[in-house]
Amino acid sequence: MEPNVETFLPSRQYARVGWAALAGSLICVLCGFGAPIGFIFALLCAMTAAAMFWLAARPPIRLGDTQFNVGERTIAWREVREINRSRFNSMGFVSPLILHLKLTNARYRFLIYPGEPDRVDRLAKALRKNSHLSTFDGVPYRDYWMWTDPLAEEERPALPPPAAPPVHLFSREDEEEIERLYQKLKAVGRLDSRSSGKDSPNNKDKD
């Protein structure tokens, strides 16, 4: 593992909600013996508890300088081509963060992080910052950090410098004059080649 690694663990709130839902399911089962509708609520609470426990058991995410790990799976930053948020997050839900990753060689992965809202925001920004070759929700890397990110200037990653404008050694008038002289020289060269061809010794011998 790389030396500079930041680890993102699932929030403990998911396990707590899971235990609460499991307790609610048991209570609903007891109520179901008196009113059968209680078994329906017991099933719903059990499904909620299973979903919460599954999210709480998600593997940790570790971010390094050249790669990031989701549990035992390693993905290099240079492999990431697209990062897109799910419809769940697009509707305004912050946690869990569900991202759809497109990697090189037409590979696709889902990244699910059930963390606290501040940790979810930090993870999303870290993914944007390190995925230099990818787009985030369709926005290219450079355009995002130049125009759409609200962070302070000192928090933005170093962007590659823009291409330097071409250096003009001559003014526009001088360039036009050089072009006219060049065309004249080409025309004169063609005339000389034709005249030398007519006066060549082979032509005289044929006469």
N, C-alpha and C. Protein backbone atom coordinates (compact mmCIF):
# COMPACT_ATOMS: atom_id res chain seq x y z
N MET A 1 0.83 -1.19 0.00
CA MET A 1 0.00 0.00 0.00
C MET A 1 0.87 1.24 0.00
N GLU A 2 0.44 2.28 -0.66
CA GLU A 2 1.19 3.52 -0.76
C GLU A 2 1.27 4.23 0.59
N PRO A 3 2.28 5.10 0.77
CA PRO A 3 2.44 5.75 2.08
C PRO A 3 1.33 6.75 2.40
N ASN A 4 0.95 7.59 1.43
CA ASN A 4 -0.07 8.61 1.67
C ASN A 4 -1.44 8.06 1.29
N VAL A 5 -2.10 7.48 2.25
CA VAL A 5 -3.39 6.81 2.01
C VAL A 5 -4.44 7.40 2.94
N GLU A 6 -5.59 7.71 2.39
CA GLU A 6 -6.74 8.16 3.18
C GLU A 6 -7.81 7.09 3.10
N THR A 7 -8.32 6.69 4.26
CA THR A 7 -9.28 5.60 4.34
C THR A 7 -10.68 6.14 4.63
N PHE A 8 -11.66 5.61 3.91
CA PHE A 8 -13.06 5.97 4.09
C PHE A 8 -13.83 4.73 4.54
N LEU A 9 -14.30 4.76 5.79
CA LEU A 9 -15.04 3.64 6.37
C LEU A 9 -16.54 3.93 6.36
N PRO A 10 -17.37 2.88 6.30
CA PRO A 10 -18.81 3.09 6.37
C PRO A 10 -19.21 3.74 7.70
N SER A 11 -20.28 4.50 7.66
CA SER A 11 -20.78 5.14 8.87
C SER A 11 -21.42 4.12 9.80
N ARG A 12 -21.22 4.31 11.11
CA ARG A 12 -21.82 3.41 12.10
C ARG A 12 -23.33 3.59 12.20
N GLN A 13 -23.83 4.69 11.65
CA GLN A 13 -25.27 4.93 11.72
C GLN A 13 -26.06 3.84 11.00
N TYR A 14 -25.48 3.27 9.96
CA TYR A 14 -26.19 2.24 9.21
C TYR A 14 -26.39 0.99 10.05
N ALA A 15 -25.38 0.60 10.82
CA ALA A 15 -25.53 -0.56 11.70
C ALA A 15 -26.55 -0.29 12.79
N ARG A 16 -26.56 0.93 13.31
CA ARG A 16 -27.52 1.26 14.36
C ARG A 16 -28.95 1.23 13.84
N VAL A 17 -29.14 1.78 12.64
CA VAL A 17 -30.47 1.75 12.03
C VAL A 17 -30.87 0.29 11.75
N GLY A 18 -29.90 -0.54 11.34
CA GLY A 18 -30.19 -1.94 11.09
C GLY A 18 -30.67 -2.66 12.34
N TRP A 19 -30.01 -2.42 13.47
CA TRP A 19 -30.44 -3.05 14.71
C TRP A 19 -31.81 -2.55 15.13
N ALA A 20 -32.05 -1.26 14.93
CA ALA A 20 -33.37 -0.71 15.27
C ALA A 20 -34.46 -1.32 14.40
N ALA A 21 -34.17 -1.48 13.10
CA ALA A 21 -35.15 -2.09 12.21
C ALA A 21 -35.38 -3.55 12.56
N LEU A 22 -34.33 -4.26 12.99
CA LEU A 22 -34.48 -5.66 13.38
C LEU A 22 -35.35 -5.78 14.64
N ALA A 23 -35.13 -4.87 15.58
CA ALA A 23 -35.96 -4.88 16.79
C ALA A 23 -37.41 -4.57 16.44
N GLY A 24 -37.62 -3.61 15.51
CA GLY A 24 -38.98 -3.30 15.08
C GLY A 24 -39.64 -4.48 14.41
N SER A 25 -38.84 -5.27 13.68
CA SER A 25 -39.39 -6.45 13.02
C SER A 25 -39.88 -7.47 14.04
N LEU A 26 -39.11 -7.67 15.11
CA LEU A 26 -39.53 -8.62 16.14
C LEU A 26 -40.80 -8.15 16.84
N ILE A 27 -40.88 -6.86 17.08
CA ILE A 27 -42.09 -6.33 17.72
C ILE A 27 -43.30 -6.52 16.82
N CYS A 28 -43.10 -6.27 15.51
CA CYS A 28 -44.22 -6.44 14.57
C CYS A 28 -44.65 -7.90 14.47
N VAL A 29 -43.69 -8.83 14.62
CA VAL A 29 -44.06 -10.25 14.60
C VAL A 29 -44.96 -10.57 15.79
N LEU A 30 -44.60 -10.04 16.96
CA LEU A 30 -45.45 -10.27 18.14
C LEU A 30 -46.83 -9.66 17.96
N CYS A 31 -46.86 -8.47 17.36
CA CYS A 31 -48.16 -7.84 17.11
C CYS A 31 -48.95 -8.58 16.05
N GLY A 32 -48.25 -9.29 15.18
CA GLY A 32 -48.92 -10.01 14.11
C GLY A 32 -49.81 -11.14 14.59
N PHE A 33 -49.52 -11.67 15.79
CA PHE A 33 -50.37 -12.75 16.32
C PHE A 33 -51.75 -12.22 16.70
N GLY A 34 -51.81 -10.89 16.99
CA GLY A 34 -53.10 -10.31 17.29
C GLY A 34 -53.76 -9.69 16.07
N ALA A 35 -52.93 -9.11 15.20
CA ALA A 35 -53.43 -8.50 13.96
C ALA A 35 -52.50 -8.94 12.83
N PRO A 36 -53.01 -9.74 11.92
CA PRO A 36 -52.14 -10.29 10.85
C PRO A 36 -51.39 -9.23 10.04
N ILE A 37 -51.90 -8.01 10.00
CA ILE A 37 -51.19 -6.97 9.23
C ILE A 37 -49.81 -6.70 9.82
N GLY A 38 -49.63 -7.06 11.10
CA GLY A 38 -48.33 -6.85 11.72
C GLY A 38 -47.22 -7.63 11.05
N PHE A 39 -47.56 -8.79 10.44
CA PHE A 39 -46.54 -9.58 9.74
C PHE A 39 -46.02 -8.84 8.50
N ILE A 40 -46.87 -8.04 7.88
CA ILE A 40 -46.42 -7.25 6.72
C ILE A 40 -45.39 -6.22 7.14
N PHE A 41 -45.69 -5.52 8.25
CA PHE A 41 -44.73 -4.53 8.75
C PHE A 41 -43.45 -5.21 9.24
N ALA A 42 -43.60 -6.42 9.77
CA ALA A 42 -42.41 -7.15 10.21
C ALA A 42 -41.51 -7.48 9.02
N LEU A 43 -42.12 -7.86 7.89
CA LEU A 43 -41.34 -8.15 6.69
C LEU A 43 -40.63 -6.90 6.18
N LEU A 44 -41.32 -5.77 6.18
CA LEU A 44 -40.71 -4.52 5.72
C LEU A 44 -39.54 -4.11 6.61
N CYS A 45 -39.72 -4.26 7.92
CA CYS A 45 -38.63 -3.92 8.84
C CYS A 45 -37.45 -4.86 8.67
N ALA A 46 -37.73 -6.14 8.41
CA ALA A 46 -36.65 -7.11 8.21
C ALA A 46 -35.86 -6.78 6.94
N MET A 47 -36.57 -6.39 5.88
CA MET A 47 -35.88 -6.02 4.64
C MET A 47 -35.04 -4.76 4.85
N THR A 48 -35.57 -3.81 5.61
CA THR A 48 -34.78 -2.60 5.91
C THR A 48 -33.54 -2.94 6.71
N ALA A 49 -33.69 -3.83 7.69
CA ALA A 49 -32.54 -4.22 8.50
C ALA A 49 -31.48 -4.91 7.65
N ALA A 50 -31.90 -5.78 6.73
CA ALA A 50 -30.94 -6.47 5.86
C ALA A 50 -30.19 -5.48 4.98
N ALA A 51 -30.89 -4.48 4.44
CA ALA A 51 -30.24 -3.48 3.59
C ALA A 51 -29.25 -2.65 4.40
N MET A 52 -29.62 -2.27 5.63
CA MET A 52 -28.72 -1.47 6.46
C MET A 52 -27.47 -2.25 6.85
N PHE A 53 -27.65 -3.52 7.21
CA PHE A 53 -26.49 -4.35 7.56
C PHE A 53 -25.58 -4.57 6.35
N TRP A 54 -26.17 -4.70 5.17
CA TRP A 54 -25.36 -4.89 3.95
C TRP A 54 -24.54 -3.63 3.67
N LEU A 55 -25.14 -2.46 3.83
CA LEU A 55 -24.40 -1.22 3.62
C LEU A 55 -23.32 -1.04 4.68
N ALA A 56 -23.63 -1.39 5.91
CA ALA A 56 -22.64 -1.24 6.99
C ALA A 56 -21.45 -2.17 6.80
N ALA A 57 -21.63 -3.24 6.04
CA ALA A 57 -20.55 -4.20 5.82
C ALA A 57 -19.77 -3.94 4.53
N ARG A 58 -20.03 -2.79 3.89
CA ARG A 58 -19.28 -2.48 2.67
C ARG A 58 -17.80 -2.33 2.99
N PRO A 59 -16.90 -2.76 2.08
CA PRO A 59 -15.46 -2.68 2.37
C PRO A 59 -14.98 -1.24 2.41
N PRO A 60 -13.91 -0.97 3.13
CA PRO A 60 -13.37 0.39 3.17
C PRO A 60 -12.78 0.81 1.83
N ILE A 61 -12.75 2.10 1.60
CA ILE A 61 -12.18 2.67 0.38
C ILE A 61 -10.91 3.41 0.77
N ARG A 62 -9.80 3.09 0.13
CA ARG A 62 -8.51 3.71 0.44
C ARG A 62 -7.99 4.42 -0.81
N LEU A 63 -7.67 5.70 -0.64
CA LEU A 63 -7.19 6.51 -1.75
C LEU A 63 -5.70 6.77 -1.60
N GLY A 64 -4.93 6.43 -2.64
CA GLY A 64 -3.49 6.70 -2.66
C GLY A 64 -3.13 7.69 -3.74
N ASP A 65 -1.84 7.86 -3.98
CA ASP A 65 -1.36 8.82 -4.97
C ASP A 65 -1.56 8.31 -6.40
N THR A 66 -1.41 7.02 -6.62
CA THR A 66 -1.50 6.48 -7.98
C THR A 66 -2.67 5.52 -8.17
N GLN A 67 -3.36 5.15 -7.09
CA GLN A 67 -4.44 4.19 -7.20
C GLN A 67 -5.38 4.33 -6.01
N PHE A 68 -6.52 3.67 -6.10
CA PHE A 68 -7.42 3.57 -4.95
C PHE A 68 -7.92 2.14 -4.84
N ASN A 69 -8.24 1.74 -3.63
CA ASN A 69 -8.65 0.38 -3.33
C ASN A 69 -10.07 0.38 -2.77
N VAL A 70 -10.88 -0.53 -3.30
CA VAL A 70 -12.21 -0.80 -2.74
C VAL A 70 -12.14 -2.21 -2.19
N GLY A 71 -11.88 -2.32 -0.91
CA GLY A 71 -11.60 -3.63 -0.33
C GLY A 71 -10.29 -4.16 -0.86
N GLU A 72 -10.33 -5.34 -1.49
CA GLU A 72 -9.13 -5.94 -2.07
C GLU A 72 -8.94 -5.57 -3.54
N ARG A 73 -9.89 -4.86 -4.12
CA ARG A 73 -9.82 -4.51 -5.54
C ARG A 73 -9.05 -3.20 -5.71
N THR A 74 -8.08 -3.21 -6.61
CA THR A 74 -7.23 -2.04 -6.86
C THR A 74 -7.53 -1.47 -8.23
N ILE A 75 -7.69 -0.15 -8.29
CA ILE A 75 -7.94 0.55 -9.55
C ILE A 75 -6.97 1.73 -9.63
N ALA A 76 -6.20 1.79 -10.71
CA ALA A 76 -5.28 2.92 -10.91
C ALA A 76 -6.06 4.15 -11.39
N TRP A 77 -5.60 5.31 -10.98
CA TRP A 77 -6.29 6.55 -11.38
C TRP A 77 -6.30 6.71 -12.88
N ARG A 78 -5.24 6.27 -13.56
CA ARG A 78 -5.17 6.46 -15.01
C ARG A 78 -6.14 5.55 -15.76
N GLU A 79 -6.73 4.57 -15.06
CA GLU A 79 -7.70 3.69 -15.70
C GLU A 79 -9.10 4.29 -15.75
N VAL A 80 -9.37 5.29 -14.94
CA VAL A 80 -10.72 5.84 -14.82
C VAL A 80 -10.98 6.78 -16.00
N ARG A 81 -12.08 6.55 -16.70
CA ARG A 81 -12.46 7.38 -17.84
C ARG A 81 -13.74 8.17 -17.59
N GLU A 82 -14.66 7.64 -16.80
CA GLU A 82 -15.90 8.35 -16.49
C GLU A 82 -16.31 8.04 -15.05
N ILE A 83 -16.84 9.07 -14.37
CA ILE A 83 -17.43 8.91 -13.05
C ILE A 83 -18.80 9.58 -13.10
N ASN A 84 -19.84 8.79 -12.88
CA ASN A 84 -21.20 9.32 -12.97
C ASN A 84 -21.97 8.96 -11.71
N ARG A 85 -22.66 9.94 -11.15
CA ARG A 85 -23.50 9.68 -9.98
C ARG A 85 -24.78 8.97 -10.40
N SER A 86 -25.32 8.18 -9.49
CA SER A 86 -26.56 7.45 -9.77
C SER A 86 -27.75 8.40 -9.68
N ARG A 87 -28.89 7.93 -10.15
CA ARG A 87 -30.12 8.72 -10.04
C ARG A 87 -30.49 8.96 -8.58
N PHE A 88 -30.13 8.01 -7.72
CA PHE A 88 -30.41 8.15 -6.29
C PHE A 88 -29.76 9.41 -5.74
N ASN A 89 -28.49 9.64 -6.08
CA ASN A 89 -27.80 10.85 -5.62
C ASN A 89 -28.23 12.09 -6.39
N SER A 90 -28.58 11.93 -7.66
CA SER A 90 -29.02 13.08 -8.45
C SER A 90 -30.34 13.64 -7.94
N MET A 91 -31.15 12.81 -7.26
CA MET A 91 -32.41 13.28 -6.72
C MET A 91 -32.25 14.04 -5.41
N GLY A 92 -31.02 14.16 -4.91
CA GLY A 92 -30.78 14.93 -3.71
C GLY A 92 -30.33 14.13 -2.51
N PHE A 93 -30.31 12.79 -2.60
CA PHE A 93 -29.86 11.95 -1.49
C PHE A 93 -28.32 11.95 -1.45
N VAL A 94 -27.77 12.24 -0.29
CA VAL A 94 -26.31 12.36 -0.16
C VAL A 94 -25.67 11.00 0.12
N SER A 95 -26.22 10.27 1.09
CA SER A 95 -25.63 9.00 1.50
C SER A 95 -26.69 7.91 1.44
N PRO A 96 -26.32 6.72 0.94
CA PRO A 96 -25.00 6.32 0.46
C PRO A 96 -24.68 6.91 -0.91
N LEU A 97 -23.38 7.15 -1.12
CA LEU A 97 -22.91 7.62 -2.42
C LEU A 97 -22.78 6.43 -3.36
N ILE A 98 -23.45 6.50 -4.50
CA ILE A 98 -23.41 5.42 -5.49
C ILE A 98 -22.88 6.00 -6.79
N LEU A 99 -21.71 5.54 -7.21
CA LEU A 99 -21.06 6.04 -8.42
C LEU A 99 -20.91 4.92 -9.43
N HIS A 100 -21.07 5.28 -10.70
CA HIS A 100 -20.88 4.35 -11.80
C HIS A 100 -19.57 4.72 -12.49
N LEU A 101 -18.59 3.83 -12.44
CA LEU A 101 -17.26 4.09 -12.99
C LEU A 101 -17.10 3.36 -14.32
N LYS A 102 -16.57 4.09 -15.30
CA LYS A 102 -16.17 3.47 -16.56
C LYS A 102 -14.65 3.48 -16.61
N LEU A 103 -14.06 2.30 -16.80
CA LEU A 103 -12.61 2.16 -16.82
C LEU A 103 -12.14 1.84 -18.23
N THR A 104 -10.83 1.72 -18.38
CA THR A 104 -10.27 1.36 -19.67
C THR A 104 -10.70 -0.06 -20.05
N ASN A 105 -10.59 -0.36 -21.34
CA ASN A 105 -10.97 -1.68 -21.89
C ASN A 105 -12.45 -1.97 -21.67
N ALA A 106 -13.28 -0.89 -21.68
CA ALA A 106 -14.74 -1.03 -21.59
C ALA A 106 -15.18 -1.78 -20.34
N ARG A 107 -14.51 -1.52 -19.22
CA ARG A 107 -14.90 -2.13 -17.95
C ARG A 107 -15.75 -1.14 -17.15
N TYR A 108 -16.68 -1.70 -16.39
CA TYR A 108 -17.58 -0.87 -15.58
C TYR A 108 -17.58 -1.39 -14.14
N ARG A 109 -17.63 -0.46 -13.20
CA ARG A 109 -17.67 -0.81 -11.78
C ARG A 109 -18.64 0.12 -11.06
N PHE A 110 -19.22 -0.39 -9.98
CA PHE A 110 -20.03 0.43 -9.08
C PHE A 110 -19.24 0.68 -7.81
N LEU A 111 -19.25 1.92 -7.35
CA LEU A 111 -18.62 2.28 -6.09
C LEU A 111 -19.73 2.77 -5.15
N ILE A 112 -19.89 2.09 -4.02
CA ILE A 112 -20.94 2.42 -3.05
C ILE A 112 -20.25 2.77 -1.74
N TYR A 113 -20.51 3.98 -1.24
CA TYR A 113 -19.91 4.41 0.02
C TYR A 113 -21.00 4.94 0.95
N PRO A 114 -21.36 4.18 1.99
CA PRO A 114 -22.36 4.62 2.96
C PRO A 114 -21.69 5.38 4.11
N GLY A 115 -21.32 6.60 3.88
CA GLY A 115 -20.61 7.37 4.89
C GLY A 115 -21.40 8.56 5.38
N GLU A 116 -20.80 9.29 6.31
CA GLU A 116 -21.38 10.54 6.79
C GLU A 116 -21.38 11.56 5.65
N PRO A 117 -22.31 12.52 5.65
CA PRO A 117 -22.38 13.47 4.53
C PRO A 117 -21.07 14.21 4.26
N ASP A 118 -20.35 14.61 5.31
CA ASP A 118 -19.09 15.32 5.08
C ASP A 118 -18.03 14.41 4.48
N ARG A 119 -18.03 13.12 4.87
CA ARG A 119 -17.07 12.17 4.31
C ARG A 119 -17.45 11.81 2.87
N VAL A 120 -18.74 11.74 2.60
CA VAL A 120 -19.18 11.50 1.22
C VAL A 120 -18.71 12.64 0.32
N ASP A 121 -18.87 13.87 0.79
CA ASP A 121 -18.45 15.03 -0.01
C ASP A 121 -16.94 15.01 -0.21
N ARG A 122 -16.19 14.64 0.81
CA ARG A 122 -14.74 14.61 0.70
C ARG A 122 -14.29 13.53 -0.28
N LEU A 123 -14.95 12.37 -0.24
CA LEU A 123 -14.60 11.29 -1.16
C LEU A 123 -14.89 11.70 -2.61
N ALA A 124 -16.04 12.31 -2.84
CA ALA A 124 -16.39 12.72 -4.20
C ALA A 124 -15.37 13.73 -4.74
N LYS A 125 -14.95 14.68 -3.91
CA LYS A 125 -13.97 15.67 -4.36
C LYS A 125 -12.61 15.03 -4.61
N ALA A 126 -12.24 14.05 -3.77
CA ALA A 126 -10.96 13.36 -3.98
C ALA A 126 -10.96 12.56 -5.27
N LEU A 127 -12.08 11.93 -5.59
CA LEU A 127 -12.17 11.19 -6.85
C LEU A 127 -12.07 12.14 -8.04
N ARG A 128 -12.72 13.29 -7.96
CA ARG A 128 -12.61 14.29 -9.04
C ARG A 128 -11.18 14.77 -9.18
N LYS A 129 -10.52 15.01 -8.05
CA LYS A 129 -9.19 15.60 -8.07
C LYS A 129 -8.13 14.66 -8.66
N ASN A 130 -8.26 13.36 -8.41
CA ASN A 130 -7.22 12.42 -8.82
C ASN A 130 -7.48 11.76 -10.17
N SER A 131 -8.71 11.80 -10.65
CA SER A 131 -9.02 11.16 -11.94
C SER A 131 -8.77 12.14 -13.07
N HIS A 132 -7.51 12.33 -13.43
CA HIS A 132 -7.12 13.36 -14.39
C HIS A 132 -7.64 13.09 -15.80
N LEU A 133 -7.86 11.83 -16.15
CA LEU A 133 -8.24 11.48 -17.52
C LEU A 133 -9.73 11.21 -17.67
N SER A 134 -10.51 11.53 -16.66
CA SER A 134 -11.93 11.17 -16.69
C SER A 134 -12.83 12.40 -16.70
N THR A 135 -14.10 12.14 -16.93
CA THR A 135 -15.14 13.15 -16.78
C THR A 135 -15.96 12.81 -15.54
N PHE A 136 -16.54 13.83 -14.92
CA PHE A 136 -17.38 13.62 -13.74
C PHE A 136 -18.75 14.16 -14.07
N ASP A 137 -19.72 13.26 -14.18
CA ASP A 137 -21.08 13.62 -14.61
C ASP A 137 -21.05 14.34 -15.96
N GLY A 138 -20.16 13.89 -16.85
CA GLY A 138 -20.07 14.46 -18.19
C GLY A 138 -19.21 15.69 -18.31
N VAL A 139 -18.69 16.23 -17.20
CA VAL A 139 -17.87 17.44 -17.23
C VAL A 139 -16.39 17.04 -17.26
N PRO A 140 -15.62 17.47 -18.27
CA PRO A 140 -14.19 17.12 -18.31
C PRO A 140 -13.44 17.65 -17.08
N TYR A 141 -12.33 17.01 -16.80
CA TYR A 141 -11.54 17.32 -15.60
C TYR A 141 -11.17 18.79 -15.52
N ARG A 142 -10.58 19.31 -16.57
CA ARG A 142 -10.10 20.69 -16.53
C ARG A 142 -11.26 21.69 -16.44
N ASP A 143 -12.33 21.42 -17.18
CA ASP A 143 -13.47 22.35 -17.15
C ASP A 143 -14.10 22.39 -15.77
N TYR A 144 -14.15 21.25 -15.10
CA TYR A 144 -14.76 21.23 -13.76
C TYR A 144 -13.97 22.10 -12.80
N TRP A 145 -12.65 21.91 -12.78
CA TRP A 145 -11.86 22.65 -11.80
C TRP A 145 -11.68 24.11 -12.18
N MET A 146 -11.88 24.43 -13.43
CA MET A 146 -11.75 25.83 -13.86
C MET A 146 -13.02 26.63 -13.61
N TRP A 147 -14.20 26.00 -13.79
CA TRP A 147 -15.44 26.78 -13.83
C TRP A 147 -16.50 26.36 -12.83
N THR A 148 -16.63 25.07 -12.52
CA THR A 148 -17.81 24.63 -11.78
C THR A 148 -17.55 24.32 -10.32
N ASP A 149 -16.31 24.25 -9.87
CA ASP A 149 -16.07 23.87 -8.49
C ASP A 149 -16.04 25.09 -7.59
N PRO A 150 -16.75 25.07 -6.46
CA PRO A 150 -16.80 26.24 -5.59
C PRO A 150 -15.65 26.34 -4.60
N LEU A 151 -14.66 25.44 -4.67
CA LEU A 151 -13.56 25.47 -3.72
C LEU A 151 -12.70 26.71 -3.90
N ALA A 152 -11.97 27.03 -2.84
CA ALA A 152 -11.05 28.16 -2.92
C ALA A 152 -9.92 27.84 -3.88
N GLU A 153 -9.25 28.88 -4.34
CA GLU A 153 -8.21 28.71 -5.35
C GLU A 153 -7.08 27.83 -4.86
N GLU A 154 -6.71 27.96 -3.55
CA GLU A 154 -5.59 27.19 -3.04
C GLU A 154 -5.92 25.71 -2.87
N GLU A 155 -7.21 25.32 -2.88
CA GLU A 155 -7.59 23.93 -2.72
C GLU A 155 -7.69 23.20 -4.05
N ARG A 156 -7.59 23.90 -5.14
CA ARG A 156 -7.72 23.26 -6.44
C ARG A 156 -6.42 22.57 -6.83
N PRO A 157 -6.48 21.46 -7.54
CA PRO A 157 -5.26 20.79 -8.00
C PRO A 157 -4.56 21.62 -9.06
N ALA A 158 -3.26 21.37 -9.19
CA ALA A 158 -2.49 22.08 -10.21
C ALA A 158 -2.89 21.59 -11.59
N LEU A 159 -3.35 22.49 -12.43
CA LEU A 159 -3.77 22.13 -13.77
C LEU A 159 -2.61 22.32 -14.74
N PRO A 160 -2.56 21.52 -15.80
CA PRO A 160 -1.50 21.73 -16.79
C PRO A 160 -1.63 23.10 -17.43
N PRO A 161 -0.50 23.79 -17.68
CA PRO A 161 -0.59 25.14 -18.26
C PRO A 161 -1.19 25.12 -19.64
N PRO A 162 -1.93 26.16 -20.01
CA PRO A 162 -2.50 26.20 -21.36
C PRO A 162 -1.42 26.35 -22.41
N ALA A 163 -1.74 25.96 -23.61
CA ALA A 163 -0.78 26.04 -24.71
C ALA A 163 -0.41 27.49 -24.98
N ALA A 164 0.91 27.74 -25.13
CA ALA A 164 1.39 29.10 -25.37
C ALA A 164 1.01 29.55 -26.78
N PRO A 165 0.63 30.81 -26.93
CA PRO A 165 0.28 31.29 -28.28
C PRO A 165 1.50 31.32 -29.18
N PRO A 166 1.33 31.15 -30.49
CA PRO A 166 2.47 31.16 -31.40
C PRO A 166 3.16 32.52 -31.42
N VAL A 167 4.49 32.48 -31.53
CA VAL A 167 5.30 33.70 -31.55
C VAL A 167 5.48 34.16 -32.99
N HIS A 168 5.12 35.41 -33.28
CA HIS A 168 5.26 35.96 -34.62
C HIS A 168 6.54 36.81 -34.67
N LEU A 169 7.48 36.38 -35.51
CA LEU A 169 8.73 37.13 -35.64
C LEU A 169 8.59 38.32 -36.56
N PHE A 170 7.59 38.31 -37.45
CA PHE A 170 7.39 39.40 -38.39
C PHE A 170 5.98 39.94 -38.24
N SER A 171 5.80 41.16 -38.68
CA SER A 171 4.47 41.74 -38.70
C SER A 171 3.67 41.13 -39.84
N ARG A 172 2.36 41.40 -39.84
CA ARG A 172 1.51 40.84 -40.87
C ARG A 172 1.91 41.35 -42.26
N GLU A 173 2.29 42.65 -42.35
CA GLU A 173 2.69 43.21 -43.64
C GLU A 173 3.96 42.54 -44.16
N ASP A 174 4.93 42.28 -43.21
CA ASP A 174 6.16 41.63 -43.62
C ASP A 174 5.89 40.19 -44.09
N GLU A 175 5.00 39.51 -43.40
CA GLU A 175 4.68 38.15 -43.81
C GLU A 175 4.03 38.11 -45.19
N GLU A 176 3.16 39.09 -45.48
CA GLU A 176 2.54 39.15 -46.80
C GLU A 176 3.56 39.46 -47.88
N GLU A 177 4.52 40.34 -47.58
CA GLU A 177 5.56 40.67 -48.56
C GLU A 177 6.46 39.46 -48.83
N ILE A 178 6.80 38.71 -47.75
CA ILE A 178 7.61 37.51 -47.92
C ILE A 178 6.88 36.48 -48.76
N GLU A 179 5.57 36.36 -48.55
CA GLU A 179 4.77 35.42 -49.33
C GLU A 179 4.77 35.80 -50.81
N ARG A 180 4.66 37.11 -51.13
CA ARG A 180 4.66 37.55 -52.52
C ARG A 180 6.02 37.27 -53.18
N LEU A 181 7.10 37.53 -52.45
CA LEU A 181 8.42 37.25 -53.00
C LEU A 181 8.62 35.76 -53.24
N TYR A 182 8.11 34.96 -52.33
CA TYR A 182 8.23 33.52 -52.49
C TYR A 182 7.50 33.04 -53.74
N GLN A 183 6.28 33.57 -53.96
CA GLN A 183 5.53 33.18 -55.15
C GLN A 183 6.24 33.61 -56.42
N LYS A 184 6.86 34.80 -56.39
CA LYS A 184 7.61 35.27 -57.56
C LYS A 184 8.80 34.36 -57.84
N LEU A 185 9.51 33.96 -56.78
CA LEU A 185 10.66 33.08 -56.96
C LEU A 185 10.23 31.73 -57.52
N LYS A 186 9.09 31.23 -57.11
CA LYS A 186 8.60 29.98 -57.65
C LYS A 186 8.27 30.11 -59.12
N ALA A 187 7.66 31.24 -59.49
CA ALA A 187 7.31 31.45 -60.90
C ALA A 187 8.58 31.57 -61.75
N VAL A 188 9.57 32.31 -61.26
CA VAL A 188 10.82 32.47 -62.01
C VAL A 188 11.53 31.13 -62.14
N GLY A 189 11.52 30.34 -61.12
CA GLY A 189 12.16 29.03 -61.19
C GLY A 189 11.52 28.14 -62.22
N ARG A 190 10.21 28.20 -62.35
CA ARG A 190 9.53 27.40 -63.35
C ARG A 190 9.90 27.85 -64.76
N LEU A 191 10.00 29.19 -64.99
CA LEU A 191 10.36 29.69 -66.31
C LEU A 191 11.78 29.30 -66.68
N ASP A 192 12.70 29.37 -65.70
CA ASP A 192 14.08 29.00 -65.96
C ASP A 192 14.18 27.52 -66.33
N SER A 193 13.43 26.70 -65.63
CA SER A 193 13.51 25.27 -65.92
C SER A 193 12.98 24.96 -67.31
N ARG A 194 11.93 25.67 -67.73
CA ARG A 194 11.39 25.44 -69.07
C ARG A 194 12.35 25.91 -70.15
N SER A 195 12.95 27.11 -69.93
CA SER A 195 13.89 27.64 -70.95
C SER A 195 15.13 26.79 -71.04
N SER A 196 15.61 26.29 -69.89
CA SER A 196 16.81 25.45 -69.93
C SER A 196 16.52 24.13 -70.62
N GLY A 197 15.26 23.68 -70.51
CA GLY A 197 14.89 22.43 -71.18
C GLY A 197 14.88 22.60 -72.69
N LYS A 198 14.46 23.78 -73.17
CA LYS A 198 14.41 24.01 -74.61
C LYS A 198 15.82 24.15 -75.19
N ASP A 199 16.75 24.75 -74.42
CA ASP A 199 18.11 24.98 -74.91
C ASP A 199 19.07 23.85 -74.57
N SER A 200 18.57 22.74 -74.13
CA SER A 200 19.46 21.64 -73.72
C SER A 200 20.14 21.04 -74.95
N PRO A 201 21.33 20.43 -74.82
CA PRO A 201 22.05 19.83 -75.95
C PRO A 201 21.27 18.74 -76.65
N ASN A 202 20.44 18.02 -75.93
CA ASN A 202 19.66 16.96 -76.58
C ASN A 202 18.73 17.52 -77.62
N ASN A 203 18.15 18.67 -77.35
CA ASN A 203 17.25 19.28 -78.33
C ASN A 203 18.00 19.72 -79.57
N LYS A 204 19.23 20.27 -79.36
CA LYS A 204 20.03 20.70 -80.51
C LYS A 204 20.44 19.52 -81.38
N ASP A 205 20.76 18.39 -80.73
CA ASP A 205 21.16 17.22 -81.52
C ASP A 205 20.02 16.71 -82.36
N LYS A 206 18.79 16.78 -81.79
CA LYS A 206 17.64 16.33 -82.56
C LYS A 206 17.41 17.17 -83.76
N ASP A 207 17.73 18.52 -83.69
CA ASP A 207 17.56 19.37 -84.85
C ASP A 207 18.66 19.07 -85.89
